[in-house]
């Protein structure tokens, strides 16, 4: 089962893919998609949607794991993040892929054992779990962490 983890954002969207084969979880790829320099929200989200569609077409995930919106964000930030999540949901729906959402604290607890782990702790643990030589960027690490969470909690690994 190939799982694409996504850390949504309107300027930068992190993605990371793992493949679960039996009791082994193997790293496939990670990176970020940017919304470009255009200040308009619709242009940035369209660019992210195009990029995500290309990632899905190339990597062929069986499921998408998506980080939930933080509940403690200010209303404006929560709205922007919700719009980015909507883009991910729409692209996944057009691709016929099921989406599974996980709260940030659940992702942190699953990956590090602590629900309040720092970004640095998350990146180092993701690095160790998937066998990378150096930690990925923060957004890509968060996306890989979401993919690993689905692999564990979804009963795939």
C-alpha atoms as a PDB file:
ATOM      1  CA  UNK A   1       0.000   0.000   0.000  1.00  0.00           C
ATOM      2  CA  UNK A   2       1.422   3.354  -1.053  1.00  0.00           C
ATOM      3  CA  UNK A   3       0.469   6.190   1.282  1.00  0.00           C
ATOM      4  CA  UNK A   4       0.887   9.846   0.345  1.00  0.00           C
ATOM      5  CA  UNK A   5       1.089  12.089   3.393  1.00  0.00           C
ATOM      6  CA  UNK A   6       0.176  15.748   2.941  1.00  0.00           C
ATOM      7  CA  UNK A   7       0.903  18.769   5.142  1.00  0.00           C
ATOM      8  CA  UNK A   8      -1.417  21.405   3.646  1.00  0.00           C
ATOM      9  CA  UNK A   9      -0.538  25.047   3.197  1.00  0.00           C
ATOM     10  CA  UNK A  10      -1.523  27.875   0.847  1.00  0.00           C
ATOM     11  CA  UNK A  11       2.080  28.880   0.107  1.00  0.00           C
ATOM     12  CA  UNK A  12       3.926  25.591   0.737  1.00  0.00           C
ATOM     13  CA  UNK A  13       2.386  22.120   0.744  1.00  0.00           C
ATOM     14  CA  UNK A  14       4.555  19.288   1.996  1.00  0.00           C
ATOM     15  CA  UNK A  15       4.180  15.769   0.643  1.00  0.00           C
ATOM     16  CA  UNK A  16       5.792  12.460   1.487  1.00  0.00           C
ATOM     17  CA  UNK A  17       5.205   8.924   0.336  1.00  0.00           C
ATOM     18  CA  UNK A  18       5.885   5.620   2.011  1.00  0.00           C
ATOM     19  CA  UNK A  19       5.097   2.117   0.840  1.00  0.00           C
ATOM     20  CA  UNK A  20       4.022  -0.569   3.264  1.00  0.00           C
ATOM     21  CA  UNK A  21       4.886  -4.147   2.321  1.00  0.00           C
ATOM     22  CA  UNK A  22       4.069  -6.597   5.085  1.00  0.00           C
ATOM     23  CA  UNK A  23       5.922  -5.481   8.213  1.00  0.00           C
ATOM     24  CA  UNK A  24       8.224  -3.128   6.311  1.00  0.00           C
ATOM     25  CA  UNK A  25       7.623   0.562   5.633  1.00  0.00           C
ATOM     26  CA  UNK A  26       9.799   1.934   2.842  1.00  0.00           C
ATOM     27  CA  UNK A  27      10.492   5.567   1.960  1.00  0.00           C
ATOM     28  CA  UNK A  28       9.578   6.517  -1.617  1.00  0.00           C
ATOM     29  CA  UNK A  29       9.809  10.303  -1.942  1.00  0.00           C
ATOM     30  CA  UNK A  30       9.159  13.622  -0.240  1.00  0.00           C
ATOM     31  CA  UNK A  31       9.179  17.272  -1.168  1.00  0.00           C
ATOM     32  CA  UNK A  32       7.222  20.506  -1.246  1.00  0.00           C
ATOM     33  CA  UNK A  33       4.911  22.205  -3.691  1.00  0.00           C
ATOM     34  CA  UNK A  34       4.822  25.986  -3.714  1.00  0.00           C
ATOM     35  CA  UNK A  35       1.969  28.257  -4.641  1.00  0.00           C
ATOM     36  CA  UNK A  36       4.230  30.572  -6.600  1.00  0.00           C
ATOM     37  CA  UNK A  37       4.760  34.280  -6.125  1.00  0.00           C
ATOM     38  CA  UNK A  38       1.304  35.424  -7.185  1.00  0.00           C
ATOM     39  CA  UNK A  39      -0.350  37.190  -4.242  1.00  0.00           C
ATOM     40  CA  UNK A  40      -3.850  35.977  -5.115  1.00  0.00           C
ATOM     41  CA  UNK A  41      -5.093  33.010  -3.124  1.00  0.00           C
ATOM     42  CA  UNK A  42      -6.833  31.433  -6.105  1.00  0.00           C
ATOM     43  CA  UNK A  43      -3.622  31.446  -8.171  1.00  0.00           C
ATOM     44  CA  UNK A  44      -1.538  29.931  -5.359  1.00  0.00           C
ATOM     45  CA  UNK A  45      -4.123  27.220  -4.678  1.00  0.00           C
ATOM     46  CA  UNK A  46      -4.432  26.449  -8.403  1.00  0.00           C
ATOM     47  CA  UNK A  47      -0.647  26.024  -8.649  1.00  0.00           C
ATOM     48  CA  UNK A  48      -0.642  23.699  -5.632  1.00  0.00           C
ATOM     49  CA  UNK A  49      -3.555  21.721  -7.113  1.00  0.00           C
ATOM     50  CA  UNK A  50      -1.689  21.266 -10.413  1.00  0.00           C
ATOM     51  CA  UNK A  51       1.440  20.153  -8.602  1.00  0.00           C
ATOM     52  CA  UNK A  52      -0.444  17.742  -6.361  1.00  0.00           C
ATOM     53  CA  UNK A  53      -2.225  16.263  -9.363  1.00  0.00           C
ATOM     54  CA  UNK A  54       1.188  15.619 -10.982  1.00  0.00           C
ATOM     55  CA  UNK A  55       2.548  14.013  -7.790  1.00  0.00           C
ATOM     56  CA  UNK A  56      -0.486  11.728  -7.569  1.00  0.00           C
ATOM     57  CA  UNK A  57      -0.235  10.776 -11.258  1.00  0.00           C
ATOM     58  CA  UNK A  58       3.474   9.969 -10.920  1.00  0.00           C
ATOM     59  CA  UNK A  59       3.507   8.191  -7.544  1.00  0.00           C
ATOM     60  CA  UNK A  60       0.095   6.439  -7.713  1.00  0.00           C
ATOM     61  CA  UNK A  61      -0.833   6.373  -4.005  1.00  0.00           C
ATOM     62  CA  UNK A  62      -3.465   3.980  -2.690  1.00  0.00           C
ATOM     63  CA  UNK A  63      -4.456   6.397   0.079  1.00  0.00           C
ATOM     64  CA  UNK A  64      -3.805   9.962   1.161  1.00  0.00           C
ATOM     65  CA  UNK A  65      -3.170  10.892   4.787  1.00  0.00           C
ATOM     66  CA  UNK A  66      -3.851  14.545   5.565  1.00  0.00           C
ATOM     67  CA  UNK A  67      -3.105  16.624   8.628  1.00  0.00           C
ATOM     68  CA  UNK A  68      -6.170  18.219  10.245  1.00  0.00           C
ATOM     69  CA  UNK A  69      -6.534  21.943  10.833  1.00  0.00           C
ATOM     70  CA  UNK A  70      -5.122  23.228  14.113  1.00  0.00           C
ATOM     71  CA  UNK A  71      -7.974  24.230  16.407  1.00  0.00           C
ATOM     72  CA  UNK A  72      -5.968  26.960  18.173  1.00  0.00           C
ATOM     73  CA  UNK A  73      -5.194  28.996  15.048  1.00  0.00           C
ATOM     74  CA  UNK A  74      -6.752  32.399  14.650  1.00  0.00           C
ATOM     75  CA  UNK A  75      -9.869  32.337  12.465  1.00  0.00           C
ATOM     76  CA  UNK A  76      -8.105  33.840   9.421  1.00  0.00           C
ATOM     77  CA  UNK A  77      -5.255  31.291   9.532  1.00  0.00           C
ATOM     78  CA  UNK A  78      -7.713  28.442  10.053  1.00  0.00           C
ATOM     79  CA  UNK A  79      -9.719  29.578   7.020  1.00  0.00           C
ATOM     80  CA  UNK A  80      -6.609  29.728   4.799  1.00  0.00           C
ATOM     81  CA  UNK A  81      -5.520  26.268   5.949  1.00  0.00           C
ATOM     82  CA  UNK A  82      -9.042  24.917   5.400  1.00  0.00           C
ATOM     83  CA  UNK A  83      -8.955  26.227   1.829  1.00  0.00           C
ATOM     84  CA  UNK A  84      -5.696  24.372   1.207  1.00  0.00           C
ATOM     85  CA  UNK A  85      -7.160  21.210   2.709  1.00  0.00           C
ATOM     86  CA  UNK A  86     -10.138  21.658   0.377  1.00  0.00           C
ATOM     87  CA  UNK A  87      -7.800  21.679  -2.610  1.00  0.00           C
ATOM     88  CA  UNK A  88      -6.203  18.433  -1.411  1.00  0.00           C
ATOM     89  CA  UNK A  89      -9.626  16.852  -0.891  1.00  0.00           C
ATOM     90  CA  UNK A  90     -10.800  17.959  -4.345  1.00  0.00           C
ATOM     91  CA  UNK A  91      -7.683  16.648  -6.133  1.00  0.00           C
ATOM     92  CA  UNK A  92      -7.927  13.369  -4.198  1.00  0.00           C
ATOM     93  CA  UNK A  93     -11.624  13.076  -5.051  1.00  0.00           C
ATOM     94  CA  UNK A  94     -10.962  13.678  -8.751  1.00  0.00           C
ATOM     95  CA  UNK A  95      -8.269  10.993  -8.584  1.00  0.00           C
ATOM     96  CA  UNK A  96     -10.553   8.522  -6.796  1.00  0.00           C
ATOM     97  CA  UNK A  97      -8.288   8.263  -3.733  1.00  0.00           C
ATOM     98  CA  UNK A  98      -9.586   7.953  -0.174  1.00  0.00           C
ATOM     99  CA  UNK A  99      -8.373  10.579   2.303  1.00  0.00           C
ATOM    100  CA  UNK A 100      -7.719   9.897   6.003  1.00  0.00           C
ATOM    101  CA  UNK A 101      -7.291  12.853   8.376  1.00  0.00           C
ATOM    102  CA  UNK A 102      -5.199  12.957  11.548  1.00  0.00           C
ATOM    103  CA  UNK A 103      -4.923  15.616  14.239  1.00  0.00           C
ATOM    104  CA  UNK A 104      -1.436  17.105  14.664  1.00  0.00           C
ATOM    105  CA  UNK A 105      -1.166  15.775  18.234  1.00  0.00           C
ATOM    106  CA  UNK A 106      -2.021  12.251  17.044  1.00  0.00           C
ATOM    107  CA  UNK A 107       0.675  12.469  14.359  1.00  0.00           C
ATOM    108  CA  UNK A 108       3.261  13.693  16.869  1.00  0.00           C
ATOM    109  CA  UNK A 109       2.357  10.997  19.404  1.00  0.00           C
ATOM    110  CA  UNK A 110       2.424   8.228  16.794  1.00  0.00           C
ATOM    111  CA  UNK A 111       5.792   9.244  15.367  1.00  0.00           C
ATOM    112  CA  UNK A 112       7.676  10.461  18.473  1.00  0.00           C
ATOM    113  CA  UNK A 113       5.694   9.122  21.409  1.00  0.00           C
ATOM    114  CA  UNK A 114       4.915  12.698  22.534  1.00  0.00           C
ATOM    115  CA  UNK A 115       1.839  14.670  21.505  1.00  0.00           C
ATOM    116  CA  UNK A 116       3.718  17.950  21.908  1.00  0.00           C
ATOM    117  CA  UNK A 117       6.944  17.139  20.072  1.00  0.00           C
ATOM    118  CA  UNK A 118       8.795  19.991  18.387  1.00  0.00           C
ATOM    119  CA  UNK A 119       9.275  20.267  14.626  1.00  0.00           C
ATOM    120  CA  UNK A 120      12.946  19.355  15.095  1.00  0.00           C
ATOM    121  CA  UNK A 121      12.068  16.221  17.087  1.00  0.00           C
ATOM    122  CA  UNK A 122       9.554  15.237  14.413  1.00  0.00           C
ATOM    123  CA  UNK A 123      12.058  15.729  11.592  1.00  0.00           C
ATOM    124  CA  UNK A 124      14.753  13.681  13.360  1.00  0.00           C
ATOM    125  CA  UNK A 125      12.350  10.846  14.155  1.00  0.00           C
ATOM    126  CA  UNK A 126      11.013  10.787  10.583  1.00  0.00           C
ATOM    127  CA  UNK A 127      14.616  10.737   9.346  1.00  0.00           C
ATOM    128  CA  UNK A 128      15.359   7.712  11.546  1.00  0.00           C
ATOM    129  CA  UNK A 129      12.125   5.852  10.722  1.00  0.00           C
ATOM    130  CA  UNK A 130      12.518   6.076   6.958  1.00  0.00           C
ATOM    131  CA  UNK A 131      16.328   5.874   6.871  1.00  0.00           C
ATOM    132  CA  UNK A 132      17.263   9.257   5.409  1.00  0.00           C
ATOM    133  CA  UNK A 133      20.815  10.607   5.695  1.00  0.00           C
ATOM    134  CA  UNK A 134      19.566  14.027   6.779  1.00  0.00           C
ATOM    135  CA  UNK A 135      16.224  15.355   7.994  1.00  0.00           C
ATOM    136  CA  UNK A 136      13.861  16.537   5.258  1.00  0.00           C
ATOM    137  CA  UNK A 137      12.491  20.097   5.219  1.00  0.00           C
ATOM    138  CA  UNK A 138       9.933  20.813   7.940  1.00  0.00           C
ATOM    139  CA  UNK A 139       6.931  20.622   5.584  1.00  0.00           C
ATOM    140  CA  UNK A 140       8.127  17.404   3.922  1.00  0.00           C
ATOM    141  CA  UNK A 141       8.924  15.873   7.333  1.00  0.00           C
ATOM    142  CA  UNK A 142       5.422  16.712   8.573  1.00  0.00           C
ATOM    143  CA  UNK A 143       3.940  15.095   5.467  1.00  0.00           C
ATOM    144  CA  UNK A 144       6.029  11.939   5.933  1.00  0.00           C
ATOM    145  CA  UNK A 145       4.948  11.864   9.583  1.00  0.00           C
ATOM    146  CA  UNK A 146       1.288  11.922   8.510  1.00  0.00           C
ATOM    147  CA  UNK A 147       1.938   9.083   6.039  1.00  0.00           C
ATOM    148  CA  UNK A 148       3.689   7.061   8.764  1.00  0.00           C
ATOM    149  CA  UNK A 149       0.773   7.737  11.119  1.00  0.00           C
ATOM    150  CA  UNK A 150      -1.683   6.306   8.610  1.00  0.00           C
ATOM    151  CA  UNK A 151       0.593   3.329   8.033  1.00  0.00           C
ATOM    152  CA  UNK A 152       0.575   2.569  11.777  1.00  0.00           C
ATOM    153  CA  UNK A 153      -2.936   3.587  12.774  1.00  0.00           C
ATOM    154  CA  UNK A 154      -4.549   2.319   9.599  1.00  0.00           C
ATOM    155  CA  UNK A 155      -3.238  -1.164  10.342  1.00  0.00           C
ATOM    156  CA  UNK A 156      -0.967  -1.290   7.308  1.00  0.00           C
ATOM    157  CA  UNK A 157       2.322  -1.485   9.229  1.00  0.00           C
END
